[in-house]
């Protein structure tokens, strides 16, 4: 099983950016935890971070023949990107949306996700553990569907 993991805009600043909302772990630390969990689950992962909506859409499109599922933190694109939503819909791959902070407990404009309705689930509010919980759930979902 192979999972594509995508980190959206500004997540490259984790550890420095608003630690009260996003915690103190860096993106590299989160990626290390994801790699360790992937080893435990006996799956492969490919991890990318980009501030570019185009890059994210192209990676999702490329997943069609190469990945069994997608774990994505679309970050600010959560609330604005119809392009990312449409790409997820187009590839027919199970997708889990994750967020470090609880987007529903923050500013009003963050409450609506354009991405969540085309995902099998959303995990938010558990800091770096949102990624780990999301990856576990995605892998279990894929196993049950096969």
N, C-alpha and C. Protein backbone atom coordinates (compact mmCIF):
# COMPACT_ATOMS: atom_id res chain seq x y z
N UNK A 1 0.86 -1.18 0.00
CA UNK A 1 0.00 0.00 0.00
C UNK A 1 0.89 1.23 0.00
N UNK A 2 0.50 2.22 -0.80
CA UNK A 2 1.28 3.45 -0.90
C UNK A 2 0.35 4.66 -0.72
N UNK A 3 0.76 5.56 0.18
CA UNK A 3 -0.05 6.73 0.52
C UNK A 3 0.71 8.00 0.17
N UNK A 4 0.03 8.92 -0.49
CA UNK A 4 0.57 10.24 -0.78
C UNK A 4 0.20 11.16 0.37
N UNK A 5 1.19 11.84 0.93
CA UNK A 5 0.96 12.79 2.02
C UNK A 5 1.33 14.18 1.53
N UNK A 6 0.37 15.09 1.62
CA UNK A 6 0.57 16.46 1.13
C UNK A 6 0.36 17.47 2.25
N UNK A 7 1.33 18.36 2.39
CA UNK A 7 1.25 19.48 3.33
C UNK A 7 1.09 20.75 2.50
N UNK A 8 0.11 21.56 2.85
CA UNK A 8 -0.16 22.78 2.11
C UNK A 8 0.66 23.98 2.54
N UNK A 9 0.19 25.17 2.16
CA UNK A 9 0.96 26.40 2.33
C UNK A 9 1.24 26.74 3.79
N UNK A 10 2.42 27.28 3.99
CA UNK A 10 2.92 27.79 5.27
C UNK A 10 3.26 26.71 6.29
N UNK A 11 3.01 25.45 5.96
CA UNK A 11 3.34 24.39 6.91
C UNK A 11 4.85 24.17 7.00
N UNK A 12 5.58 24.68 6.04
CA UNK A 12 7.04 24.66 6.12
C UNK A 12 7.55 25.54 7.26
N UNK A 13 6.70 26.37 7.82
CA UNK A 13 7.08 27.26 8.93
C UNK A 13 6.70 26.69 10.30
N UNK A 14 6.22 25.47 10.32
CA UNK A 14 5.84 24.87 11.61
C UNK A 14 7.03 24.87 12.57
N UNK A 15 6.70 25.06 13.83
CA UNK A 15 7.74 25.16 14.86
C UNK A 15 8.07 26.61 15.17
N UNK A 16 7.83 27.48 14.18
CA UNK A 16 8.06 28.92 14.35
C UNK A 16 6.76 29.71 14.25
N UNK A 17 5.83 29.18 13.50
CA UNK A 17 4.59 29.89 13.17
C UNK A 17 3.51 29.61 14.21
N UNK A 18 3.04 30.63 14.88
CA UNK A 18 1.90 30.55 15.79
C UNK A 18 1.85 29.23 16.58
N UNK A 19 2.81 28.98 17.44
CA UNK A 19 2.83 27.71 18.18
C UNK A 19 1.58 27.48 19.02
N UNK A 20 0.89 28.54 19.41
CA UNK A 20 -0.35 28.38 20.17
C UNK A 20 -1.44 27.70 19.35
N UNK A 21 -1.37 27.82 18.02
CA UNK A 21 -2.34 27.16 17.14
C UNK A 21 -1.81 25.87 16.53
N UNK A 22 -0.51 25.86 16.22
CA UNK A 22 0.04 24.77 15.42
C UNK A 22 1.07 23.91 16.15
N UNK A 23 1.36 24.23 17.40
CA UNK A 23 2.31 23.44 18.17
C UNK A 23 3.75 23.83 17.89
N UNK A 24 4.66 23.10 18.49
CA UNK A 24 6.08 23.43 18.38
C UNK A 24 6.86 22.46 17.51
N UNK A 25 6.23 21.39 17.06
CA UNK A 25 6.93 20.44 16.19
C UNK A 25 7.14 21.06 14.80
N UNK A 26 8.31 20.81 14.25
CA UNK A 26 8.60 21.26 12.89
C UNK A 26 7.97 20.29 11.89
N UNK A 27 7.91 20.71 10.65
CA UNK A 27 7.39 19.83 9.62
C UNK A 27 8.27 18.59 9.48
N UNK A 28 9.57 18.77 9.59
CA UNK A 28 10.47 17.62 9.50
C UNK A 28 10.21 16.63 10.64
N UNK A 29 9.94 17.13 11.83
CA UNK A 29 9.63 16.24 12.95
C UNK A 29 8.33 15.47 12.69
N UNK A 30 7.33 16.15 12.13
CA UNK A 30 6.07 15.48 11.80
C UNK A 30 6.31 14.43 10.72
N UNK A 31 7.10 14.78 9.71
CA UNK A 31 7.41 13.82 8.65
C UNK A 31 8.15 12.60 9.18
N UNK A 32 9.02 12.81 10.15
CA UNK A 32 9.74 11.70 10.77
C UNK A 32 8.77 10.78 11.51
N UNK A 33 7.81 11.37 12.21
CA UNK A 33 6.79 10.57 12.91
C UNK A 33 5.93 9.80 11.91
N UNK A 34 5.59 10.45 10.79
CA UNK A 34 4.79 9.77 9.77
C UNK A 34 5.57 8.61 9.15
N UNK A 35 6.85 8.82 8.91
CA UNK A 35 7.69 7.74 8.35
C UNK A 35 7.78 6.56 9.31
N UNK A 36 7.92 6.86 10.60
CA UNK A 36 7.98 5.79 11.60
C UNK A 36 6.66 5.02 11.64
N UNK A 37 5.54 5.74 11.60
CA UNK A 37 4.24 5.07 11.60
C UNK A 37 4.06 4.25 10.32
N UNK A 38 4.49 4.77 9.20
CA UNK A 38 4.40 4.03 7.94
C UNK A 38 5.16 2.71 8.06
N UNK A 39 6.32 2.75 8.69
CA UNK A 39 7.08 1.52 8.90
C UNK A 39 6.32 0.53 9.77
N UNK A 40 5.72 1.04 10.82
CA UNK A 40 4.92 0.19 11.72
C UNK A 40 3.74 -0.43 10.99
N UNK A 41 3.11 0.36 10.11
CA UNK A 41 1.94 -0.11 9.37
C UNK A 41 2.32 -0.92 8.13
N UNK A 42 3.60 -0.96 7.84
CA UNK A 42 4.12 -1.68 6.68
C UNK A 42 3.55 -1.14 5.36
N UNK A 43 3.59 0.19 5.24
CA UNK A 43 3.14 0.86 4.03
C UNK A 43 4.25 1.78 3.53
N UNK A 44 4.11 2.21 2.29
CA UNK A 44 5.02 3.21 1.73
C UNK A 44 4.31 4.56 1.73
N UNK A 45 5.11 5.62 1.89
CA UNK A 45 4.56 6.96 1.79
C UNK A 45 5.48 7.80 0.91
N UNK A 46 4.89 8.81 0.33
CA UNK A 46 5.64 9.85 -0.37
C UNK A 46 5.10 11.16 0.18
N UNK A 47 5.99 12.02 0.66
CA UNK A 47 5.58 13.23 1.38
C UNK A 47 6.07 14.47 0.64
N UNK A 48 5.16 15.44 0.48
CA UNK A 48 5.50 16.71 -0.17
C UNK A 48 4.85 17.86 0.59
N UNK A 49 5.53 18.99 0.59
CA UNK A 49 4.96 20.24 1.08
C UNK A 49 5.11 21.26 -0.02
N UNK A 50 4.06 22.06 -0.22
CA UNK A 50 4.15 23.14 -1.19
C UNK A 50 3.24 24.29 -0.81
N UNK A 51 3.70 25.47 -1.14
CA UNK A 51 2.88 26.67 -1.00
C UNK A 51 2.09 26.92 -2.28
N UNK A 52 2.28 26.10 -3.28
CA UNK A 52 1.67 26.27 -4.60
C UNK A 52 0.46 25.37 -4.77
N UNK A 53 -0.66 25.96 -5.05
CA UNK A 53 -1.88 25.19 -5.33
C UNK A 53 -1.68 24.31 -6.56
N UNK A 54 -0.99 24.83 -7.57
CA UNK A 54 -0.73 24.07 -8.79
C UNK A 54 0.04 22.79 -8.49
N UNK A 55 1.09 22.90 -7.68
CA UNK A 55 1.89 21.72 -7.32
C UNK A 55 1.03 20.68 -6.63
N UNK A 56 0.20 21.11 -5.70
CA UNK A 56 -0.65 20.19 -4.95
C UNK A 56 -1.64 19.49 -5.89
N UNK A 57 -2.26 20.25 -6.78
CA UNK A 57 -3.20 19.66 -7.74
C UNK A 57 -2.48 18.65 -8.63
N UNK A 58 -1.29 18.99 -9.10
CA UNK A 58 -0.56 18.08 -9.97
C UNK A 58 -0.15 16.80 -9.24
N UNK A 59 0.22 16.89 -7.98
CA UNK A 59 0.56 15.69 -7.20
C UNK A 59 -0.68 14.81 -7.00
N UNK A 60 -1.82 15.44 -6.73
CA UNK A 60 -3.05 14.66 -6.58
C UNK A 60 -3.39 13.96 -7.90
N UNK A 61 -3.30 14.67 -9.00
CA UNK A 61 -3.59 14.06 -10.30
C UNK A 61 -2.64 12.89 -10.59
N UNK A 62 -1.38 13.04 -10.25
CA UNK A 62 -0.38 11.99 -10.49
C UNK A 62 -0.62 10.77 -9.60
N UNK A 63 -1.41 10.92 -8.56
CA UNK A 63 -1.67 9.79 -7.65
C UNK A 63 -2.55 8.73 -8.28
N UNK A 64 -3.21 9.05 -9.35
CA UNK A 64 -4.21 8.16 -9.95
C UNK A 64 -3.71 6.73 -10.14
N UNK A 65 -2.54 6.56 -10.68
CA UNK A 65 -2.04 5.21 -10.94
C UNK A 65 -0.92 4.80 -10.00
N UNK A 66 -0.60 5.64 -9.02
CA UNK A 66 0.58 5.39 -8.20
C UNK A 66 0.33 5.24 -6.71
N UNK A 67 -0.86 5.60 -6.23
CA UNK A 67 -1.12 5.61 -4.79
C UNK A 67 -2.48 4.99 -4.50
N UNK A 68 -2.59 4.44 -3.29
CA UNK A 68 -3.86 3.87 -2.85
C UNK A 68 -4.73 4.86 -2.10
N UNK A 69 -4.13 5.94 -1.60
CA UNK A 69 -4.88 6.94 -0.85
C UNK A 69 -4.05 8.19 -0.66
N UNK A 70 -4.73 9.22 -0.16
CA UNK A 70 -4.11 10.53 0.04
C UNK A 70 -4.43 11.03 1.44
N UNK A 71 -3.39 11.51 2.14
CA UNK A 71 -3.54 12.21 3.41
C UNK A 71 -3.13 13.64 3.12
N UNK A 72 -4.01 14.59 3.38
CA UNK A 72 -3.73 15.98 3.00
C UNK A 72 -4.07 16.96 4.11
N UNK A 73 -3.16 17.88 4.34
CA UNK A 73 -3.45 19.07 5.12
C UNK A 73 -3.40 20.22 4.12
N UNK A 74 -4.56 20.61 3.60
CA UNK A 74 -4.57 21.66 2.59
C UNK A 74 -4.30 23.06 3.15
N UNK A 75 -4.22 23.15 4.48
CA UNK A 75 -3.95 24.43 5.15
C UNK A 75 -4.94 25.49 4.65
N UNK A 76 -4.47 26.67 4.30
CA UNK A 76 -5.37 27.75 3.90
C UNK A 76 -6.21 27.40 2.67
N UNK A 77 -5.72 26.48 1.83
CA UNK A 77 -6.50 26.08 0.66
C UNK A 77 -7.75 25.31 1.04
N UNK A 78 -7.84 24.86 2.27
CA UNK A 78 -9.03 24.17 2.77
C UNK A 78 -10.29 24.97 2.47
N UNK A 79 -10.18 26.27 2.64
CA UNK A 79 -11.35 27.15 2.60
C UNK A 79 -11.55 27.84 1.26
N UNK A 80 -10.61 27.60 0.32
CA UNK A 80 -10.65 28.39 -0.92
C UNK A 80 -10.47 27.59 -2.20
N UNK A 81 -9.99 26.37 -2.14
CA UNK A 81 -9.54 25.70 -3.36
C UNK A 81 -10.54 24.71 -3.94
N UNK A 82 -11.26 25.17 -4.92
CA UNK A 82 -12.11 24.27 -5.69
C UNK A 82 -11.24 23.37 -6.56
N UNK A 83 -10.08 23.87 -6.97
CA UNK A 83 -9.16 23.08 -7.81
C UNK A 83 -8.66 21.83 -7.07
N UNK A 84 -8.28 21.98 -5.80
CA UNK A 84 -7.85 20.82 -5.02
C UNK A 84 -9.02 19.87 -4.79
N UNK A 85 -10.16 20.41 -4.48
CA UNK A 85 -11.37 19.58 -4.31
C UNK A 85 -11.65 18.77 -5.56
N UNK A 86 -11.63 19.44 -6.73
CA UNK A 86 -11.93 18.76 -7.98
C UNK A 86 -10.88 17.70 -8.31
N UNK A 87 -9.62 17.97 -7.99
CA UNK A 87 -8.56 16.98 -8.24
C UNK A 87 -8.78 15.73 -7.40
N UNK A 88 -9.15 15.92 -6.13
CA UNK A 88 -9.42 14.76 -5.26
C UNK A 88 -10.58 13.94 -5.81
N UNK A 89 -11.62 14.62 -6.24
CA UNK A 89 -12.78 13.94 -6.82
C UNK A 89 -12.39 13.17 -8.08
N UNK A 90 -11.53 13.77 -8.89
CA UNK A 90 -11.18 13.19 -10.19
C UNK A 90 -10.37 11.91 -10.10
N UNK A 91 -9.57 11.74 -9.04
CA UNK A 91 -8.66 10.59 -8.99
C UNK A 91 -9.26 9.35 -8.33
N UNK A 92 -10.43 9.47 -7.74
CA UNK A 92 -11.09 8.31 -7.13
C UNK A 92 -10.21 7.58 -6.13
N UNK A 93 -9.48 8.32 -5.32
CA UNK A 93 -8.65 7.73 -4.27
C UNK A 93 -9.20 8.19 -2.93
N UNK A 94 -9.30 7.28 -1.95
CA UNK A 94 -9.75 7.73 -0.63
C UNK A 94 -8.77 8.76 -0.07
N UNK A 95 -9.34 9.79 0.51
CA UNK A 95 -8.55 10.92 1.00
C UNK A 95 -9.03 11.29 2.40
N UNK A 96 -8.06 11.58 3.28
CA UNK A 96 -8.36 12.08 4.62
C UNK A 96 -7.75 13.47 4.74
N UNK A 97 -8.57 14.41 5.19
CA UNK A 97 -8.12 15.79 5.44
C UNK A 97 -7.71 15.91 6.91
N UNK A 98 -6.55 16.50 7.15
CA UNK A 98 -6.09 16.69 8.53
C UNK A 98 -5.71 18.15 8.77
N UNK A 99 -5.86 18.55 10.03
CA UNK A 99 -5.46 19.88 10.48
C UNK A 99 -4.88 19.79 11.88
N UNK A 100 -3.85 20.54 12.13
CA UNK A 100 -3.24 20.58 13.45
C UNK A 100 -4.18 21.20 14.48
N UNK A 101 -4.79 22.32 14.10
CA UNK A 101 -5.70 23.02 15.01
C UNK A 101 -7.14 22.59 14.72
N UNK A 102 -8.03 22.89 15.64
CA UNK A 102 -9.45 22.62 15.43
C UNK A 102 -10.01 23.78 14.62
N UNK A 103 -10.17 23.56 13.32
CA UNK A 103 -10.61 24.65 12.45
C UNK A 103 -12.01 25.15 12.81
N UNK A 104 -12.78 24.33 13.49
CA UNK A 104 -14.15 24.71 13.85
C UNK A 104 -14.20 25.58 15.11
N UNK A 105 -13.08 25.68 15.81
CA UNK A 105 -13.01 26.50 17.02
C UNK A 105 -12.24 27.79 16.78
N UNK A 106 -11.92 28.05 15.52
CA UNK A 106 -11.12 29.23 15.19
C UNK A 106 -11.99 30.28 14.51
N UNK A 107 -11.38 31.15 13.75
CA UNK A 107 -12.12 32.22 13.08
C UNK A 107 -13.22 31.65 12.19
N UNK A 108 -14.28 32.38 12.05
CA UNK A 108 -15.45 31.93 11.29
C UNK A 108 -15.09 31.47 9.87
N UNK A 109 -14.20 32.19 9.20
CA UNK A 109 -13.86 31.83 7.81
C UNK A 109 -13.17 30.48 7.71
N UNK A 110 -12.64 29.96 8.82
CA UNK A 110 -11.97 28.66 8.80
C UNK A 110 -12.94 27.49 9.04
N UNK A 111 -14.17 27.79 9.35
CA UNK A 111 -15.12 26.73 9.71
C UNK A 111 -15.58 25.90 8.51
N UNK A 112 -15.51 26.45 7.32
CA UNK A 112 -15.98 25.75 6.14
C UNK A 112 -14.81 25.17 5.36
N UNK A 113 -14.86 23.87 5.14
CA UNK A 113 -13.87 23.20 4.31
C UNK A 113 -14.50 22.83 2.98
N UNK A 114 -13.87 23.27 1.90
CA UNK A 114 -14.31 22.84 0.58
C UNK A 114 -13.82 21.44 0.26
N UNK A 115 -12.83 20.97 1.03
CA UNK A 115 -12.18 19.70 0.78
C UNK A 115 -12.88 18.54 1.50
N UNK A 116 -13.32 18.75 2.73
CA UNK A 116 -13.89 17.68 3.55
C UNK A 116 -15.03 16.91 2.87
N UNK A 117 -15.93 17.55 2.15
CA UNK A 117 -17.03 16.79 1.54
C UNK A 117 -16.61 15.75 0.51
N UNK A 118 -15.38 15.84 -0.02
CA UNK A 118 -14.93 14.85 -1.00
C UNK A 118 -13.89 13.90 -0.38
N UNK A 119 -13.77 13.95 0.93
CA UNK A 119 -12.86 13.06 1.67
C UNK A 119 -13.67 12.03 2.43
N UNK A 120 -13.00 10.95 2.81
CA UNK A 120 -13.69 9.94 3.62
C UNK A 120 -13.79 10.38 5.07
N UNK A 121 -12.96 11.36 5.46
CA UNK A 121 -13.01 11.87 6.82
C UNK A 121 -12.07 13.04 7.03
N UNK A 122 -12.22 13.66 8.19
CA UNK A 122 -11.40 14.81 8.57
C UNK A 122 -10.98 14.62 10.03
N UNK A 123 -9.70 14.90 10.31
CA UNK A 123 -9.19 14.86 11.67
C UNK A 123 -8.58 16.23 11.95
N UNK A 124 -9.06 16.88 13.00
CA UNK A 124 -8.51 18.21 13.31
C UNK A 124 -8.47 18.41 14.82
N UNK A 125 -7.53 19.25 15.23
CA UNK A 125 -7.48 19.67 16.62
C UNK A 125 -6.55 18.88 17.52
N UNK A 126 -5.84 17.90 17.00
CA UNK A 126 -4.98 17.06 17.82
C UNK A 126 -3.50 17.34 17.59
N UNK A 127 -3.18 18.51 17.07
CA UNK A 127 -1.79 18.85 16.80
C UNK A 127 -1.19 17.85 15.83
N UNK A 128 0.08 17.51 16.02
CA UNK A 128 0.75 16.58 15.10
C UNK A 128 0.07 15.21 15.09
N UNK A 129 -0.63 14.87 16.16
CA UNK A 129 -1.34 13.59 16.19
C UNK A 129 -2.48 13.52 15.18
N UNK A 130 -2.96 14.65 14.70
CA UNK A 130 -3.99 14.62 13.65
C UNK A 130 -3.48 13.86 12.44
N UNK A 131 -2.21 14.09 12.09
CA UNK A 131 -1.62 13.37 10.95
C UNK A 131 -1.56 11.87 11.22
N UNK A 132 -1.13 11.50 12.41
CA UNK A 132 -0.97 10.08 12.74
C UNK A 132 -2.31 9.38 12.80
N UNK A 133 -3.28 10.03 13.42
CA UNK A 133 -4.64 9.47 13.47
C UNK A 133 -5.22 9.34 12.06
N UNK A 134 -5.02 10.37 11.26
CA UNK A 134 -5.53 10.36 9.89
C UNK A 134 -4.91 9.25 9.05
N UNK A 135 -3.58 9.06 9.20
CA UNK A 135 -2.91 8.01 8.44
C UNK A 135 -3.41 6.63 8.86
N UNK A 136 -3.54 6.41 10.17
CA UNK A 136 -4.06 5.12 10.64
C UNK A 136 -5.46 4.86 10.09
N UNK A 137 -6.31 5.86 10.16
CA UNK A 137 -7.69 5.70 9.69
C UNK A 137 -7.74 5.43 8.19
N UNK A 138 -6.92 6.13 7.43
CA UNK A 138 -6.89 5.95 5.98
C UNK A 138 -6.44 4.53 5.62
N UNK A 139 -5.40 4.06 6.26
CA UNK A 139 -4.88 2.71 5.99
C UNK A 139 -5.94 1.66 6.33
N UNK A 140 -6.58 1.81 7.48
CA UNK A 140 -7.63 0.85 7.86
C UNK A 140 -8.79 0.88 6.87
N UNK A 141 -9.18 2.06 6.44
CA UNK A 141 -10.26 2.20 5.47
C UNK A 141 -9.91 1.45 4.18
N UNK A 142 -8.69 1.68 3.68
CA UNK A 142 -8.28 1.04 2.43
C UNK A 142 -8.24 -0.47 2.58
N UNK A 143 -7.75 -0.97 3.70
CA UNK A 143 -7.71 -2.41 3.95
C UNK A 143 -9.11 -3.01 3.94
N UNK A 144 -10.05 -2.32 4.56
CA UNK A 144 -11.42 -2.82 4.64
C UNK A 144 -12.12 -2.79 3.28
N UNK A 145 -11.72 -1.83 2.44
CA UNK A 145 -12.36 -1.70 1.13
C UNK A 145 -11.84 -2.72 0.11
N UNK A 146 -10.65 -3.29 0.36
CA UNK A 146 -10.06 -4.23 -0.61
C UNK A 146 -10.66 -5.60 -0.51
